[in-house]
Amino acid sequence: MKYPICATAVSPAPARSAPHRSGSSGRGVALAFVALVTLATQTLAGCREAPAEVLEAARDALKAQDTESFLELVEPRAAAFLRRAEKVVSASGRGYKVTQSARPTAALLPQGDVADVVVQDQRAILVIKRGSATELIQMRLVRGKWRLDLLEMQGFLDQLRPKSS
């Protein structure tokens, strides 16, 4: 997995030339806090992996059958569902299966090249092209990181069928 290199230049605070007045201490602390939050937000936004990089990392994790790494790249609701489904499958023996397999497979994600990425606010849509076929992958920004929104993807919904005996 490739990790972005982030470099943020921060200039030192200017030295105070006037003596500190006791009445302005609250304002100075508030301004310093706002500046710190702004800097942190800009730094984190600049260090975020692009949606296409997250998709590639998810494909790699599925190919390597690394379920935990894959689930880290998935929106939390779907990751929780997959963790519960694995427990149900193993507890049900040969009975009714919630998913086709206990582990996520490469069939969850469409194969092909990323033709376009549309980012709007907290959502991203990746347009995947394979030959003449086009599929969409939905992503959501979760705690500052792009995550696959499996609950919005047809490949994931297709995996929810009962396994035939």
Protein backbone atom coordinates (compact mmCIF):
# COMPACT_ATOMS: atom_id res chain seq x y z
CA MET A 1 0.00 0.00 0.00
CA LYS A 2 1.34 3.42 -0.89
CA TYR A 3 1.17 6.07 1.78
CA PRO A 4 1.18 9.75 0.84
CA ILE A 5 4.07 11.85 2.02
CA CYS A 6 2.90 15.01 3.69
CA ALA A 7 5.02 18.03 4.23
CA THR A 8 3.59 21.15 5.74
CA ALA A 9 5.76 24.18 6.19
CA VAL A 10 5.04 25.99 9.40
CA SER A 11 6.61 29.33 10.03
CA PRO A 12 7.54 30.17 13.60
CA ALA A 13 5.25 32.49 15.51
CA PRO A 14 6.38 36.11 15.44
CA ALA A 15 8.04 37.34 18.59
CA ARG A 16 5.96 39.65 20.74
CA SER A 17 7.16 43.20 20.76
CA ALA A 18 4.60 44.59 23.16
CA PRO A 19 4.08 43.40 26.73
CA HIS A 20 1.22 40.93 27.22
CA ARG A 21 -1.97 42.51 28.55
CA SER A 22 -3.98 40.45 31.00
CA GLY A 23 -7.33 41.35 29.40
CA SER A 24 -6.44 39.81 26.03
CA SER A 25 -5.21 36.41 27.23
CA GLY A 26 -8.50 34.66 26.41
CA ARG A 27 -8.55 36.12 22.91
CA GLY A 28 -4.94 35.10 22.29
CA VAL A 29 -5.57 31.54 23.43
CA ALA A 30 -8.69 31.33 21.26
CA LEU A 31 -6.80 32.61 18.20
CA ALA A 32 -3.97 30.16 18.82
CA PHE A 33 -6.48 27.31 19.13
CA VAL A 34 -8.25 28.29 15.89
CA ALA A 35 -4.89 28.50 14.10
CA LEU A 36 -3.88 25.06 15.41
CA VAL A 37 -7.19 23.46 14.36
CA THR A 38 -6.96 25.06 10.91
CA LEU A 39 -3.40 23.81 10.44
CA ALA A 40 -4.32 20.29 11.58
CA THR A 41 -7.34 20.18 9.26
CA GLN A 42 -5.31 21.33 6.26
CA THR A 43 -2.53 18.87 7.04
CA LEU A 44 -4.90 15.91 7.41
CA ALA A 45 -6.80 16.80 4.25
CA GLY A 46 -3.52 17.00 2.33
CA CYS A 47 -2.39 13.58 3.63
CA ARG A 48 -5.55 11.69 2.72
CA GLU A 49 -5.21 8.83 0.27
CA ALA A 50 -7.08 9.36 -2.97
CA PRO A 51 -10.21 7.23 -3.57
CA ALA A 52 -8.47 5.31 -6.39
CA GLU A 53 -5.58 4.43 -4.04
CA VAL A 54 -8.02 3.11 -1.43
CA LEU A 55 -9.71 0.96 -4.10
CA GLU A 56 -6.34 -0.45 -5.19
CA ALA A 57 -5.41 -1.24 -1.58
CA ALA A 58 -8.77 -2.98 -1.09
CA ARG A 59 -8.26 -5.06 -4.24
CA ASP A 60 -4.76 -6.02 -3.02
CA ALA A 61 -6.13 -7.04 0.39
CA LEU A 62 -8.83 -9.22 -1.20
CA LYS A 63 -6.31 -10.80 -3.54
CA ALA A 64 -4.07 -11.62 -0.56
CA GLN A 65 -7.13 -12.87 1.40
CA ASP A 66 -6.30 -10.33 4.12
CA THR A 67 -9.79 -9.78 5.51
CA GLU A 68 -8.80 -7.41 8.32
CA SER A 69 -6.87 -5.09 5.99
CA PHE A 70 -9.84 -5.09 3.63
CA LEU A 71 -12.30 -4.30 6.42
CA GLU A 72 -10.18 -1.31 7.47
CA LEU A 73 -10.86 0.17 4.01
CA VAL A 74 -14.62 -0.35 4.23
CA GLU A 75 -17.26 1.97 5.66
CA PRO A 76 -17.85 0.94 9.32
CA ARG A 77 -21.46 -0.30 8.93
CA ALA A 78 -20.54 -2.73 6.15
CA ALA A 79 -17.39 -3.84 8.00
CA ALA A 80 -19.48 -4.62 11.09
CA PHE A 81 -21.96 -6.55 8.95
CA LEU A 82 -19.18 -8.65 7.38
CA ARG A 83 -17.68 -9.39 10.79
CA ARG A 84 -21.08 -10.56 12.08
CA ALA A 85 -21.78 -12.56 8.91
CA GLU A 86 -18.54 -14.50 9.32
CA LYS A 87 -19.60 -15.51 12.84
CA VAL A 88 -23.08 -16.54 11.62
CA VAL A 89 -21.61 -18.63 8.81
CA SER A 90 -19.21 -20.45 11.12
CA ALA A 91 -21.91 -21.01 13.75
CA SER A 92 -24.51 -22.27 11.27
CA GLY A 93 -22.48 -25.24 10.04
CA ARG A 94 -24.01 -26.60 6.85
CA GLY A 95 -27.35 -24.85 7.42
CA TYR A 96 -28.58 -21.61 5.96
CA LYS A 97 -25.72 -19.29 4.98
CA VAL A 98 -26.01 -15.52 5.24
CA THR A 99 -23.29 -14.91 2.67
CA GLN A 100 -21.81 -17.07 -0.05
CA SER A 101 -18.61 -17.42 1.92
CA ALA A 102 -17.38 -16.46 5.35
CA ARG A 103 -14.72 -14.18 3.87
CA PRO A 104 -15.03 -11.30 1.43
CA THR A 105 -13.91 -12.27 -2.05
CA ALA A 106 -12.62 -10.35 -5.06
CA ALA A 107 -16.16 -10.54 -6.49
CA LEU A 108 -17.14 -7.72 -4.11
CA LEU A 109 -15.24 -5.16 -6.17
CA PRO A 110 -15.62 -4.66 -9.91
CA GLN A 111 -12.46 -5.25 -11.90
CA GLY A 112 -11.24 -2.76 -14.47
CA ASP A 113 -9.58 0.61 -14.70
CA VAL A 114 -10.64 3.78 -12.91
CA ALA A 115 -11.93 5.96 -15.75
CA ASP A 116 -13.12 8.86 -13.61
CA VAL A 117 -13.42 9.96 -9.99
CA VAL A 118 -16.16 12.37 -8.96
CA VAL A 119 -15.78 13.84 -5.48
CA GLN A 120 -18.58 15.85 -3.94
CA ASP A 121 -18.41 16.80 -0.27
CA GLN A 122 -18.21 13.58 1.78
CA ARG A 123 -18.87 11.21 -1.14
CA ALA A 124 -16.84 9.95 -4.08
CA ILE A 125 -17.89 7.89 -7.08
CA LEU A 126 -15.31 5.92 -9.00
CA VAL A 127 -16.26 5.03 -12.57
CA ILE A 128 -14.74 1.64 -13.39
CA LYS A 129 -14.42 0.59 -17.04
CA ARG A 130 -13.68 -2.90 -18.25
CA GLY A 131 -14.07 -3.19 -21.99
CA SER A 132 -17.42 -1.64 -22.82
CA ALA A 133 -18.87 -2.29 -19.35
CA THR A 134 -19.05 0.51 -16.78
CA GLU A 135 -19.63 0.09 -13.05
CA LEU A 136 -19.68 2.58 -10.19
CA ILE A 137 -18.00 2.28 -6.82
CA GLN A 138 -19.34 4.46 -4.04
CA MET A 139 -17.01 5.80 -1.36
CA ARG A 140 -17.65 7.84 1.74
CA LEU A 141 -15.36 10.06 3.78
CA VAL A 142 -15.18 8.57 7.29
CA ARG A 143 -13.10 10.37 9.92
CA GLY A 144 -11.00 12.00 7.22
CA LYS A 145 -10.36 8.82 5.19
CA TRP A 146 -12.02 7.47 2.07
CA ARG A 147 -13.82 4.19 2.70
CA LEU A 148 -15.66 1.84 0.34
CA ASP A 149 -19.42 2.11 0.82
CA LEU A 150 -20.25 -1.54 0.16
CA LEU A 151 -23.90 -1.09 1.13
CA GLU A 152 -24.32 1.02 -2.01
CA MET A 153 -22.57 -1.44 -4.36
CA GLN A 154 -24.30 -4.13 -6.42
CA GLY A 155 -21.36 -6.55 -6.11
CA PHE A 156 -21.78 -6.55 -2.34
CA LEU A 157 -25.55 -6.98 -2.50
CA ASP A 158 -25.10 -9.94 -4.86
CA GLN A 159 -22.96 -11.63 -2.18
CA LEU A 160 -25.86 -11.56 0.30
CA ARG A 161 -27.77 -14.39 -1.38
CA PRO A 162 -28.13 -17.64 0.51
CA LYS A 163 -25.56 -20.20 -0.56
CA SER A 164 -27.15 -23.00 -2.52
CA SER A 165 -26.48 -26.49 -1.21
